[in-house]
Amino acid sequence: MEANELHSQHAEQGEDRADRQGAGRRFFARTTATEARTASASATASRRARWRRSPLVALVVAVGILFSGAIVDAASEPAYAADYPSWDDVRKARANETAKKAEISRIQTLLKNLEADVAAKTAAAEEAGYAFEEADLAFQEAALKAQDLQAQADAAGEIAATSRQQAGQMAAQLSRQGGGNLSASLLANPGDADDLLQRLGYASRITKQSEGLYVRALQDMNTAQSLADQAEVAREVREELRAEAEAKQIAAQQAADAANAALAEQEEHAVELKAQLEVLSLARANTEAEYAEGERIRKEAEARAAAARAAAAAAAAANGGGGSTSTRGPVNGWVWPVNGWITGHYGNRLHPVYNYWRLHTGTDIGAGMGTPIYAATGGTVTYAGRLGTYGNFVLINHGNGVSTGYAHIRDGGIMVRYGQQVQTGQQIAQVGSTGASTGPHLHFEVRINGVATNAVTYYRNHGIPIG
């Protein structure tokens, strides 16, 4: 078999491969996505079951089922049109027993609605966070699979190239010795009988060897092409899952913003409503004055805090930062995100909470509760909210396909918002133990094109100090 015949056979197989590839792509897409989701389904069910066993969360979920609704524009408006009473309304209602009872009922309803709104939107944010985490996990696994298949395809391609070269060299050798009709050439110049038999045996061995080389070269080329096709399909599946994860991220961010807005609404009105309810229920005329004095003190404290934050922001802006900053200066534009010690590394491990083997996508850094967490480098906040087992999570996009993630932040410890620009070393959060965590620490990730990598390796490769 000549080298050009090898190319011809390989080309003829292209049509069959094209037919198979379409069906293979559909099957691969289904199985890859299904495998990614199935792999985490059992663990996710366990995580959610543990989360829902909490009495507080059980209440949140129960109320969430009753009051759940669309997330769109939920952050900008409460779930109900609240009409809050003024102190003048309260004073007037005290003069009439019927009016007083009606006002008490009205205030109690408002308080319940505020609580229900917070509970419902908190539950929705939790669910959206888990959905985002599951979609992101499916994308991460698909990305690793595509990467592995491409590596296999590259290796198979090198083997195929070597086999092809060897087959070509054999074809050239046969051509120099009379082509494929080597036996006829030997018979035309027989010499003595013993010499003829020896040369015929040599020709037979050469022919078998050449046929073996051609067969192996063809097999190697087919293997390389098959793996290349699978890698291409894997990349397509990866991008489909990336788009799905990005959509879930947007939904989760909207849900987190809605929950924060509901909590702010509650904090703004609940204290005053309770004070008004006390006036009506206990007939304490001085409650209004006490409330007014308390509000005056609170507002003065808020004003002082706002002034301090403004001064700190101005000072930080002068030196290129913002808010509290890392104690160690940046190297190559990066800092280590928290002052602590490494307690867990990137790689496969037995999960400390759920007791099954899985890829640990980040580096765990132990630190005390409330320890400042700093932006590893400057960028834009692309997520700030709940993320399933990650607990409270912040994701920052630094451009050029690089992003960093910060997980298990304490409740109330996220200090940035979606879309905010942050500087290298700026404080963005506080260490906590939310989500699937056994104690206060930061789970720190460096992602390349959305895929989590070894943060320690990334820092070392870029000459950035660790710790």
Foldseek 3Di string as FASTA:
>chain_A
DALVVLVVVLVVCVVVVVVVLVVVLVVLLVVLLVCLLVVCVVVQVVLVVVVCVDPVLVVLVVLLVVQPDDLVCLLVDFSDDDDDDDVVQLVVQLVDVVSLVVLLVNLVVVLVSLVSRLSNLVNQLQVLQQQLQSLLSSLQSLVVVLVVLVVVLVVLVVVLVVLSVVLNVLQVVLVVCPGLPNLVVCVVVPPDPVVSVVVVVVSVVSVVVSVVSSVVSSVSVVVSVVSVSSSVSSVVSSVVSVVVSVVSQVSSQSSFSSSVSSVVVCVVPVVVSVLSSCCSPVVDPCSVVVVVVVVVVVVVVVVVVVVVQVVQQVVQVVVFFHAAFDPDDWDPQFAAFFPFAWDDFFAWDQQPQSGHIDTQQFIKGDDDWFGFTFDGAKFFWAHFQQNAQQGTKIKGDPDPQKIKMKGQFDVVFAQDGHGDIGGHGYGGGTWHAGGNGDTTIIGMFIGGNSHTDTPVVVCVVVVTDYD
